Amino acid sequence: MASSAPQHPTDPVGTTPRAIRSALLPEEVADFDRAYQHALKTAAETP
């Protein structure tokens, strides 16, 4: 019998910002950091 507990979606493995950043070339990290901080700021300002 199937469990009645609700199933919550999870992010695919390797898609966290930390995982993405660790897979970048060293010269790409600064651009990623800037873009990520901009996205966080934009999200925080969005109602």
Protein backbone atom coordinates (compact mmCIF):
# COMPACT_ATOMS: atom_id res chain seq x y z
CA MET A 1 0.00 0.00 0.00
CA ALA A 2 1.28 3.49 -0.87
CA SER A 3 2.26 5.88 1.88
CA SER A 4 -0.22 8.66 2.56
CA ALA A 5 2.52 11.11 3.54
CA PRO A 6 2.65 14.09 1.20
CA GLN A 7 5.49 14.08 -1.28
CA HIS A 8 7.37 17.35 -1.64
CA PRO A 9 9.36 18.10 -4.77
CA THR A 10 13.08 18.42 -4.30
CA ASP A 11 15.67 20.18 -6.41
CA PRO A 12 17.64 17.94 -8.74
CA VAL A 13 21.05 16.97 -7.40
CA GLY A 14 23.76 19.44 -8.31
CA THR A 15 21.50 22.45 -8.87
CA THR A 16 22.15 24.36 -5.66
CA PRO A 17 24.07 27.62 -6.03
CA ARG A 18 26.98 26.06 -4.13
CA ALA A 19 27.10 23.05 -6.48
CA ILE A 20 26.90 25.22 -9.58
CA ARG A 21 29.61 27.56 -8.28
CA SER A 22 31.93 24.67 -7.47
CA ALA A 23 31.60 23.37 -11.05
CA LEU A 24 32.63 26.68 -12.62
CA LEU A 25 36.03 27.54 -13.97
CA PRO A 26 37.93 29.89 -11.63
CA GLU A 27 37.57 32.78 -14.06
CA GLU A 28 33.77 32.35 -14.11
CA VAL A 29 33.24 32.50 -10.33
CA ALA A 30 33.27 36.31 -9.97
CA ASP A 31 30.62 36.73 -12.70
CA PHE A 32 28.49 34.02 -11.11
CA ASP A 33 28.78 35.64 -7.68
CA ARG A 34 27.72 39.04 -9.05
CA ALA A 35 24.77 37.57 -10.94
CA TYR A 36 23.68 35.50 -7.95
CA GLN A 37 23.83 38.47 -5.58
CA HIS A 38 21.85 40.54 -8.08
CA ALA A 39 19.20 37.80 -8.31
CA LEU A 40 18.94 37.61 -4.52
CA LYS A 41 18.57 41.40 -4.26
CA THR A 42 15.91 41.44 -6.99
CA ALA A 43 14.00 38.62 -5.32
CA ALA A 44 14.11 40.39 -1.95
CA GLU A 45 12.66 43.55 -3.51
CA THR A 46 9.87 41.74 -5.37
CA PRO A 47 6.50 41.85 -3.59
